[in-house]
């Protein structure tokens, strides 16, 4: 455990940020999974409606460095490709 005051504060911040990142990561993974499930069930229109929401979450995750910029681009590309392919 930290002894110095600034180290204690850093630990508190770290714990809060970790909790926020876990929530964001779960949301991201759930959205991607939901889109894949919709595509596999041939519900393409519903998947298309979720696409802007997926893009938004991916962009925000990249902006806050939860994931890397290229990872976000890759995921966006693959999801769009999956939806386009399944028509």
PDB file of N, CA and C in Angstrom:
ATOM      1  N   UNK A   1       0.835  -1.196   0.000  1.00  0.00           N
ATOM      2  CA  UNK A   1       0.000   0.000   0.000  1.00  0.00           C
ATOM      3  C   UNK A   1       0.874   1.251   0.000  1.00  0.00           C
ATOM      4  N   UNK A   2       0.407   2.274  -0.707  1.00  0.00           N
ATOM      5  CA  UNK A   2       1.196   3.504  -0.761  1.00  0.00           C
ATOM      6  C   UNK A   2       1.200   4.245   0.580  1.00  0.00           C
ATOM      7  N   UNK A   3       2.290   4.918   0.817  1.00  0.00           N
ATOM      8  CA  UNK A   3       2.443   5.677   2.061  1.00  0.00           C
ATOM      9  C   UNK A   3       2.358   7.169   1.774  1.00  0.00           C
ATOM     10  N   UNK A   4       2.961   7.589   0.689  1.00  0.00           N
ATOM     11  CA  UNK A   4       2.998   9.000   0.324  1.00  0.00           C
ATOM     12  C   UNK A   4       1.624   9.448  -0.172  1.00  0.00           C
ATOM     13  N   UNK A   5       1.275  10.685   0.188  1.00  0.00           N
ATOM     14  CA  UNK A   5      -0.048  11.229  -0.124  1.00  0.00           C
ATOM     15  C   UNK A   5      -0.366  11.189  -1.616  1.00  0.00           C
ATOM     16  N   UNK A   6       0.587  11.593  -2.449  1.00  0.00           N
ATOM     17  CA  UNK A   6       0.345  11.611  -3.898  1.00  0.00           C
ATOM     18  C   UNK A   6       0.173  10.199  -4.452  1.00  0.00           C
ATOM     19  N   UNK A   7       0.865   9.238  -3.854  1.00  0.00           N
ATOM     20  CA  UNK A   7       0.742   7.842  -4.296  1.00  0.00           C
ATOM     21  C   UNK A   7      -0.628   7.281  -3.920  1.00  0.00           C
ATOM     22  N   UNK A   8      -1.146   7.717  -2.778  1.00  0.00           N
ATOM     23  CA  UNK A   8      -2.494   7.292  -2.360  1.00  0.00           C
ATOM     24  C   UNK A   8      -3.535   7.807  -3.345  1.00  0.00           C
ATOM     25  N   UNK A   9      -3.386   9.091  -3.725  1.00  0.00           N
ATOM     26  CA  UNK A   9      -4.310   9.684  -4.683  1.00  0.00           C
ATOM     27  C   UNK A   9      -4.200   8.983  -6.042  1.00  0.00           C
ATOM     28  N   UNK A  10      -2.988   8.678  -6.439  1.00  0.00           N
ATOM     29  CA  UNK A  10      -2.773   7.986  -7.721  1.00  0.00           C
ATOM     30  C   UNK A  10      -3.453   6.626  -7.711  1.00  0.00           C
ATOM     31  N   UNK A  11      -3.411   5.939  -6.599  1.00  0.00           N
ATOM     32  CA  UNK A  11      -4.066   4.635  -6.480  1.00  0.00           C
ATOM     33  C   UNK A  11      -5.583   4.781  -6.581  1.00  0.00           C
ATOM     34  N   UNK A  12      -6.138   5.814  -5.917  1.00  0.00           N
ATOM     35  CA  UNK A  12      -7.586   6.057  -5.999  1.00  0.00           C
ATOM     36  C   UNK A  12      -7.997   6.327  -7.451  1.00  0.00           C
ATOM     37  N   UNK A  13      -7.239   7.190  -8.123  1.00  0.00           N
ATOM     38  CA  UNK A  13      -7.531   7.516  -9.526  1.00  0.00           C
ATOM     39  C   UNK A  13      -7.450   6.277 -10.402  1.00  0.00           C
ATOM     40  N   UNK A  14      -6.440   5.491 -10.149  1.00  0.00           N
ATOM     41  CA  UNK A  14      -6.225   4.280 -10.942  1.00  0.00           C
ATOM     42  C   UNK A  14      -7.401   3.319 -10.796  1.00  0.00           C
ATOM     43  N   UNK A  15      -7.889   3.166  -9.576  1.00  0.00           N
ATOM     44  CA  UNK A  15      -9.031   2.264  -9.332  1.00  0.00           C
ATOM     45  C   UNK A  15     -10.294   2.759 -10.031  1.00  0.00           C
ATOM     46  N   UNK A  16     -10.537   4.077  -9.959  1.00  0.00           N
ATOM     47  CA  UNK A  16     -11.711   4.659 -10.612  1.00  0.00           C
ATOM     48  C   UNK A  16     -11.628   4.482 -12.123  1.00  0.00           C
ATOM     49  N   UNK A  17     -10.449   4.772 -12.679  1.00  0.00           N
ATOM     50  CA  UNK A  17     -10.265   4.652 -14.127  1.00  0.00           C
ATOM     51  C   UNK A  17     -10.418   3.207 -14.592  1.00  0.00           C
ATOM     52  N   UNK A  18      -9.916   2.282 -13.778  1.00  0.00           N
ATOM     53  CA  UNK A  18     -10.034   0.867 -14.130  1.00  0.00           C
ATOM     54  C   UNK A  18     -11.499   0.459 -14.196  1.00  0.00           C
ATOM     55  N   UNK A  19     -12.281   0.915 -13.225  1.00  0.00           N
ATOM     56  CA  UNK A  19     -13.716   0.587 -13.189  1.00  0.00           C
ATOM     57  C   UNK A  19     -14.419   1.153 -14.423  1.00  0.00           C
ATOM     58  N   UNK A  20     -14.094   2.389 -14.782  1.00  0.00           N
ATOM     59  CA  UNK A  20     -14.705   3.021 -15.956  1.00  0.00           C
ATOM     60  C   UNK A  20     -14.314   2.269 -17.223  1.00  0.00           C
ATOM     61  N   UNK A  21     -13.019   1.907 -17.331  1.00  0.00           N
ATOM     62  CA  UNK A  21     -12.540   1.195 -18.509  1.00  0.00           C
ATOM     63  C   UNK A  21     -13.199  -0.171 -18.653  1.00  0.00           C
ATOM     64  N   UNK A  22     -13.429  -0.851 -17.545  1.00  0.00           N
ATOM     65  CA  UNK A  22     -14.088  -2.165 -17.590  1.00  0.00           C
ATOM     66  C   UNK A  22     -15.500  -2.017 -18.135  1.00  0.00           C
ATOM     67  N   UNK A  23     -16.217  -1.001 -17.676  1.00  0.00           N
ATOM     68  CA  UNK A  23     -17.589  -0.764 -18.143  1.00  0.00           C
ATOM     69  C   UNK A  23     -17.590  -0.469 -19.642  1.00  0.00           C
ATOM     70  N   UNK A  24     -16.688   0.404 -20.084  1.00  0.00           N
ATOM     71  CA  UNK A  24     -16.619   0.764 -21.499  1.00  0.00           C
ATOM     72  C   UNK A  24     -16.256  -0.437 -22.366  1.00  0.00           C
ATOM     73  N   UNK A  25     -15.314  -1.237 -21.874  1.00  0.00           N
ATOM     74  CA  UNK A  25     -14.886  -2.423 -22.615  1.00  0.00           C
ATOM     75  C   UNK A  25     -16.025  -3.424 -22.771  1.00  0.00           C
ATOM     76  N   UNK A  26     -16.781  -3.625 -21.708  1.00  0.00           N
ATOM     77  CA  UNK A  26     -17.925  -4.545 -21.753  1.00  0.00           C
ATOM     78  C   UNK A  26     -18.964  -4.054 -22.745  1.00  0.00           C
ATOM     79  N   UNK A  27     -19.240  -2.761 -22.707  1.00  0.00           N
ATOM     80  CA  UNK A  27     -20.220  -2.190 -23.619  1.00  0.00           C
ATOM     81  C   UNK A  27     -19.794  -2.406 -25.070  1.00  0.00           C
ATOM     82  N   UNK A  28     -18.519  -2.164 -25.315  1.00  0.00           N
ATOM     83  CA  UNK A  28     -17.969  -2.338 -26.654  1.00  0.00           C
ATOM     84  C   UNK A  28     -18.093  -3.786 -27.117  1.00  0.00           C
ATOM     85  N   UNK A  29     -17.673  -4.707 -26.283  1.00  0.00           N
ATOM     86  CA  UNK A  29     -17.728  -6.124 -26.643  1.00  0.00           C
ATOM     87  C   UNK A  29     -19.162  -6.601 -26.837  1.00  0.00           C
ATOM     88  N   UNK A  30     -20.069  -6.138 -25.974  1.00  0.00           N
ATOM     89  CA  UNK A  30     -21.472  -6.546 -26.092  1.00  0.00           C
ATOM     90  C   UNK A  30     -22.093  -6.033 -27.387  1.00  0.00           C
ATOM     91  N   UNK A  31     -21.786  -4.796 -27.754  1.00  0.00           N
ATOM     92  CA  UNK A  31     -22.316  -4.236 -29.004  1.00  0.00           C
ATOM     93  C   UNK A  31     -21.820  -5.008 -30.221  1.00  0.00           C
ATOM     94  N   UNK A  32     -20.519  -5.301 -30.233  1.00  0.00           N
ATOM     95  CA  UNK A  32     -19.952  -6.047 -31.354  1.00  0.00           C
ATOM     96  C   UNK A  32     -20.572  -7.439 -31.447  1.00  0.00           C
ATOM     97  N   UNK A  33     -20.750  -8.054 -30.295  1.00  0.00           N
ATOM     98  CA  UNK A  33     -21.350  -9.388 -30.271  1.00  0.00           C
ATOM     99  C   UNK A  33     -22.801  -9.330 -30.752  1.00  0.00           C
ATOM    100  N   UNK A  34     -23.519  -8.304 -30.319  1.00  0.00           N
ATOM    101  CA  UNK A  34     -24.917  -8.143 -30.709  1.00  0.00           C
ATOM    102  C   UNK A  34     -25.052  -7.993 -32.230  1.00  0.00           C
ATOM    103  N   UNK A  35     -24.157  -7.212 -32.833  1.00  0.00           N
ATOM    104  CA  UNK A  35     -24.187  -7.031 -34.285  1.00  0.00           C
ATOM    105  C   UNK A  35     -23.906  -8.363 -34.981  1.00  0.00           C
ATOM    106  N   UNK A  36     -22.902  -9.093 -34.497  1.00  0.00           N
ATOM    107  CA  UNK A  36     -22.578 -10.390 -35.112  1.00  0.00           C
ATOM    108  C   UNK A  36     -23.743 -11.370 -35.002  1.00  0.00           C
ATOM    109  N   UNK A  37     -24.414 -11.373 -33.860  1.00  0.00           N
ATOM    110  CA  UNK A  37     -25.564 -12.260 -33.665  1.00  0.00           C
ATOM    111  C   UNK A  37     -26.690 -11.880 -34.614  1.00  0.00           C
ATOM    112  N   UNK A  38     -26.963 -10.583 -34.742  1.00  0.00           N
ATOM    113  CA  UNK A  38     -28.009 -10.123 -35.659  1.00  0.00           C
ATOM    114  C   UNK A  38     -27.705 -10.529 -37.100  1.00  0.00           C
ATOM    115  N   UNK A  39     -26.435 -10.415 -37.496  1.00  0.00           N
ATOM    116  CA  UNK A  39     -26.053 -10.797 -38.852  1.00  0.00           C
ATOM    117  C   UNK A  39     -26.233 -12.306 -39.039  1.00  0.00           C
ATOM    118  N   UNK A  40     -25.854 -13.076 -38.041  1.00  0.00           N
ATOM    119  CA  UNK A  40     -25.996 -14.535 -38.161  1.00  0.00           C
ATOM    120  C   UNK A  40     -27.457 -14.957 -38.195  1.00  0.00           C
ATOM    121  N   UNK A  41     -28.333 -14.148 -37.599  1.00  0.00           N
ATOM    122  CA  UNK A  41     -29.777 -14.429 -37.618  1.00  0.00           C
ATOM    123  C   UNK A  41     -30.455 -13.798 -38.836  1.00  0.00           C
ATOM    124  N   UNK A  42     -29.659 -13.241 -39.736  1.00  0.00           N
ATOM    125  CA  UNK A  42     -30.152 -12.616 -40.975  1.00  0.00           C
ATOM    126  C   UNK A  42     -31.017 -11.382 -40.715  1.00  0.00           C
ATOM    127  N   UNK A  43     -30.784 -10.694 -39.620  1.00  0.00           N
ATOM    128  CA  UNK A  43     -31.500  -9.452 -39.312  1.00  0.00           C
ATOM    129  C   UNK A  43     -30.586  -8.281 -39.673  1.00  0.00           C
ATOM    130  N   UNK A  44     -30.390  -8.112 -40.967  1.00  0.00           N
ATOM    131  CA  UNK A  44     -29.415  -7.155 -41.474  1.00  0.00           C
ATOM    132  C   UNK A  44     -29.816  -5.704 -41.187  1.00  0.00           C
ATOM    133  N   UNK A  45     -31.101  -5.404 -41.335  1.00  0.00           N
ATOM    134  CA  UNK A  45     -31.563  -4.026 -41.110  1.00  0.00           C
ATOM    135  C   UNK A  45     -31.314  -3.590 -39.667  1.00  0.00           C
ATOM    136  N   UNK A  46     -31.574  -4.492 -38.710  1.00  0.00           N
ATOM    137  CA  UNK A  46     -31.336  -4.154 -37.300  1.00  0.00           C
ATOM    138  C   UNK A  46     -29.843  -3.962 -37.040  1.00  0.00           C
ATOM    139  N   UNK A  47     -29.031  -4.789 -37.683  1.00  0.00           N
ATOM    140  CA  UNK A  47     -27.582  -4.662 -37.540  1.00  0.00           C
ATOM    141  C   UNK A  47     -27.109  -3.326 -38.100  1.00  0.00           C
ATOM    142  N   UNK A  48     -27.698  -2.916 -39.227  1.00  0.00           N
ATOM    143  CA  UNK A  48     -27.335  -1.625 -39.831  1.00  0.00           C
ATOM    144  C   UNK A  48     -27.682  -0.465 -38.913  1.00  0.00           C
ATOM    145  N   UNK A  49     -28.804  -0.590 -38.199  1.00  0.00           N
ATOM    146  CA  UNK A  49     -29.214   0.477 -37.283  1.00  0.00           C
ATOM    147  C   UNK A  49     -28.250   0.597 -36.105  1.00  0.00           C
ATOM    148  N   UNK A  50     -27.615  -0.506 -35.727  1.00  0.00           N
ATOM    149  CA  UNK A  50     -26.659  -0.491 -34.613  1.00  0.00           C
ATOM    150  C   UNK A  50     -25.281   0.024 -35.034  1.00  0.00           C
ATOM    151  N   UNK A  51     -25.018   0.039 -36.333  1.00  0.00           N
ATOM    152  CA  UNK A  51     -23.692   0.398 -36.828  1.00  0.00           C
ATOM    153  C   UNK A  51     -23.196   1.773 -36.361  1.00  0.00           C
ATOM    154  N   UNK A  52     -24.017   2.847 -36.435  1.00  0.00           N
ATOM    155  CA  UNK A  52     -23.524   4.150 -35.945  1.00  0.00           C
ATOM    156  C   UNK A  52     -23.174   4.120 -34.456  1.00  0.00           C
ATOM    157  N   UNK A  53     -23.947   3.370 -33.699  1.00  0.00           N
ATOM    158  CA  UNK A  53     -23.687   3.248 -32.266  1.00  0.00           C
ATOM    159  C   UNK A  53     -22.350   2.534 -32.030  1.00  0.00           C
ATOM    160  N   UNK A  54     -22.089   1.498 -32.813  1.00  0.00           N
ATOM    161  CA  UNK A  54     -20.824   0.758 -32.714  1.00  0.00           C
ATOM    162  C   UNK A  54     -19.661   1.681 -33.067  1.00  0.00           C
ATOM    163  N   UNK A  55     -19.819   2.446 -34.148  1.00  0.00           N
ATOM    164  CA  UNK A  55     -18.768   3.381 -34.561  1.00  0.00           C
ATOM    165  C   UNK A  55     -18.468   4.391 -33.458  1.00  0.00           C
ATOM    166  N   UNK A  56     -19.517   4.907 -32.861  1.00  0.00           N
ATOM    167  CA  UNK A  56     -19.362   5.917 -31.815  1.00  0.00           C
ATOM    168  C   UNK A  56     -18.571   5.356 -30.628  1.00  0.00           C
ATOM    169  N   UNK A  57     -18.952   4.161 -30.190  1.00  0.00           N
ATOM    170  CA  UNK A  57     -18.285   3.546 -29.043  1.00  0.00           C
ATOM    171  C   UNK A  57     -16.823   3.237 -29.379  1.00  0.00           C
ATOM    172  N   UNK A  58     -16.576   2.722 -30.579  1.00  0.00           N
ATOM    173  CA  UNK A  58     -15.201   2.422 -30.993  1.00  0.00           C
ATOM    174  C   UNK A  58     -14.355   3.691 -31.059  1.00  0.00           C
ATOM    175  N   UNK A  59     -14.916   4.764 -31.627  1.00  0.00           N
ATOM    176  CA  UNK A  59     -14.168   6.015 -31.733  1.00  0.00           C
ATOM    177  C   UNK A  59     -13.847   6.601 -30.361  1.00  0.00           C
ATOM    178  N   UNK A  60     -14.815   6.539 -29.459  1.00  0.00           N
ATOM    179  CA  UNK A  60     -14.570   7.060 -28.114  1.00  0.00           C
ATOM    180  C   UNK A  60     -13.531   6.229 -27.383  1.00  0.00           C
ATOM    181  N   UNK A  61     -13.582   4.907 -27.579  1.00  0.00           N
ATOM    182  CA  UNK A  61     -12.599   4.028 -26.937  1.00  0.00           C
ATOM    183  C   UNK A  61     -11.195   4.336 -27.456  1.00  0.00           C
ATOM    184  N   UNK A  62     -11.084   4.606 -28.746  1.00  0.00           N
ATOM    185  CA  UNK A  62      -9.783   4.947 -29.325  1.00  0.00           C
ATOM    186  C   UNK A  62      -9.316   6.315 -28.841  1.00  0.00           C
ATOM    187  N   UNK A  63     -10.254   7.244 -28.733  1.00  0.00           N
ATOM    188  CA  UNK A  63      -9.922   8.606 -28.307  1.00  0.00           C
ATOM    189  C   UNK A  63      -9.368   8.615 -26.882  1.00  0.00           C
ATOM    190  N   UNK A  64      -9.962   7.807 -26.010  1.00  0.00           N
ATOM    191  CA  UNK A  64      -9.519   7.751 -24.611  1.00  0.00           C
ATOM    192  C   UNK A  64      -8.424   6.712 -24.403  1.00  0.00           C
ATOM    193  N   UNK A  65      -7.913   6.156 -25.528  1.00  0.00           N
ATOM    194  CA  UNK A  65      -6.817   5.184 -25.514  1.00  0.00           C
ATOM    195  C   UNK A  65      -7.166   3.898 -24.771  1.00  0.00           C
ATOM    196  N   UNK A  66      -8.439   3.548 -24.767  1.00  0.00           N
ATOM    197  CA  UNK A  66      -8.858   2.256 -24.232  1.00  0.00           C
ATOM    198  C   UNK A  66      -8.404   1.171 -25.207  1.00  0.00           C
ATOM    199  N   UNK A  67      -8.541   1.469 -26.496  1.00  0.00           N
ATOM    200  CA  UNK A  67      -7.983   0.614 -27.538  1.00  0.00           C
ATOM    201  C   UNK A  67      -7.181   1.505 -28.480  1.00  0.00           C
ATOM    202  N   UNK A  68      -6.314   0.900 -29.285  1.00  0.00           N
ATOM    203  CA  UNK A  68      -5.505   1.696 -30.212  1.00  0.00           C
ATOM    204  C   UNK A  68      -6.350   2.150 -31.388  1.00  0.00           C
ATOM    205  N   UNK A  69      -5.896   3.216 -32.023  1.00  0.00           N
ATOM    206  CA  UNK A  69      -6.628   3.819 -33.150  1.00  0.00           C
ATOM    207  C   UNK A  69      -6.802   2.820 -34.292  1.00  0.00           C
ATOM    208  N   UNK A  70      -5.742   2.086 -34.611  1.00  0.00           N
ATOM    209  CA  UNK A  70      -5.815   1.129 -35.711  1.00  0.00           C
ATOM    210  C   UNK A  70      -6.716  -0.059 -35.367  1.00  0.00           C
ATOM    211  N   UNK A  71      -6.774  -0.425 -34.106  1.00  0.00           N
ATOM    212  CA  UNK A  71      -7.661  -1.502 -33.669  1.00  0.00           C
ATOM    213  C   UNK A  71      -9.107  -1.084 -33.879  1.00  0.00           C
ATOM    214  N   UNK A  72      -9.413   0.163 -33.534  1.00  0.00           N
ATOM    215  CA  UNK A  72     -10.772   0.679 -33.737  1.00  0.00           C
ATOM    216  C   UNK A  72     -11.109   0.680 -35.220  1.00  0.00           C
ATOM    217  N   UNK A  73     -10.173   1.138 -36.056  1.00  0.00           N
ATOM    218  CA  UNK A  73     -10.393   1.159 -37.500  1.00  0.00           C
ATOM    219  C   UNK A  73     -10.625  -0.243 -38.035  1.00  0.00           C
ATOM    220  N   UNK A  74      -9.823  -1.188 -37.578  1.00  0.00           N
ATOM    221  CA  UNK A  74      -9.946  -2.566 -38.032  1.00  0.00           C
ATOM    222  C   UNK A  74     -11.295  -3.157 -37.660  1.00  0.00           C
ATOM    223  N   UNK A  75     -11.717  -2.917 -36.422  1.00  0.00           N
ATOM    224  CA  UNK A  75     -13.005  -3.454 -35.964  1.00  0.00           C
ATOM    225  C   UNK A  75     -14.169  -2.842 -36.744  1.00  0.00           C
ATOM    226  N   UNK A  76     -14.101  -1.521 -36.983  1.00  0.00           N
ATOM    227  CA  UNK A  76     -15.141  -0.843 -37.759  1.00  0.00           C
ATOM    228  C   UNK A  76     -15.213  -1.420 -39.164  1.00  0.00           C
ATOM    229  N   UNK A  77     -14.062  -1.599 -39.755  1.00  0.00           N
ATOM    230  CA  UNK A  77     -13.996  -2.118 -41.115  1.00  0.00           C
ATOM    231  C   UNK A  77     -14.566  -3.525 -41.196  1.00  0.00           C
ATOM    232  N   UNK A  78     -14.195  -4.364 -40.272  1.00  0.00           N
ATOM    233  CA  UNK A  78     -14.639  -5.756 -40.309  1.00  0.00           C
ATOM    234  C   UNK A  78     -16.134  -5.889 -40.058  1.00  0.00           C
ATOM    235  N   UNK A  79     -16.661  -5.061 -39.160  1.00  0.00           N
ATOM    236  CA  UNK A  79     -18.107  -5.106 -38.895  1.00  0.00           C
ATOM    237  C   UNK A  79     -18.875  -4.627 -40.125  1.00  0.00           C
ATOM    238  N   UNK A  80     -18.412  -3.539 -40.738  1.00  0.00           N
ATOM    239  CA  UNK A  80     -19.075  -3.018 -41.942  1.00  0.00           C
ATOM    240  C   UNK A  80     -19.014  -4.042 -43.070  1.00  0.00           C
ATOM    241  N   UNK A  81     -17.869  -4.675 -43.211  1.00  0.00           N
ATOM    242  CA  UNK A  81     -17.672  -5.695 -44.245  1.00  0.00           C
ATOM    243  C   UNK A  81     -18.600  -6.886 -44.009  1.00  0.00           C
ATOM    244  N   UNK A  82     -18.738  -7.288 -42.755  1.00  0.00           N
ATOM    245  CA  UNK A  82     -19.607  -8.410 -42.389  1.00  0.00           C
ATOM    246  C   UNK A  82     -21.054  -8.120 -42.759  1.00  0.00           C
ATOM    247  N   UNK A  83     -21.499  -6.903 -42.460  1.00  0.00           N
ATOM    248  CA  UNK A  83     -22.895  -6.513 -42.772  1.00  0.00           C
ATOM    249  C   UNK A  83     -23.100  -6.440 -44.281  1.00  0.00           C
ATOM    250  N   UNK A  84     -22.151  -5.838 -44.989  1.00  0.00           N
ATOM    251  CA  UNK A  84     -22.267  -5.700 -46.438  1.00  0.00           C
ATOM    252  C   UNK A  84     -22.253  -7.062 -47.124  1.00  0.00           C
ATOM    253  N   UNK A  85     -21.433  -7.950 -46.621  1.00  0.00           N
ATOM    254  CA  UNK A  85     -21.271  -9.283 -47.213  1.00  0.00           C
ATOM    255  C   UNK A  85     -22.520 -10.147 -47.051  1.00  0.00           C
ATOM    256  N   UNK A  86     -23.233  -9.944 -45.970  1.00  0.00           N
ATOM    257  CA  UNK A  86     -24.350 -10.838 -45.635  1.00  0.00           C
ATOM    258  C   UNK A  86     -25.667 -10.451 -46.274  1.00  0.00           C
ATOM    259  N   UNK A  87     -25.653  -9.530 -47.217  1.00  0.00           N
ATOM    260  CA  UNK A  87     -26.893  -9.102 -47.882  1.00  0.00           C
ATOM    261  C   UNK A  87     -27.475 -10.191 -48.714  1.00  0.00           C
TER     262      UNK A  87
END
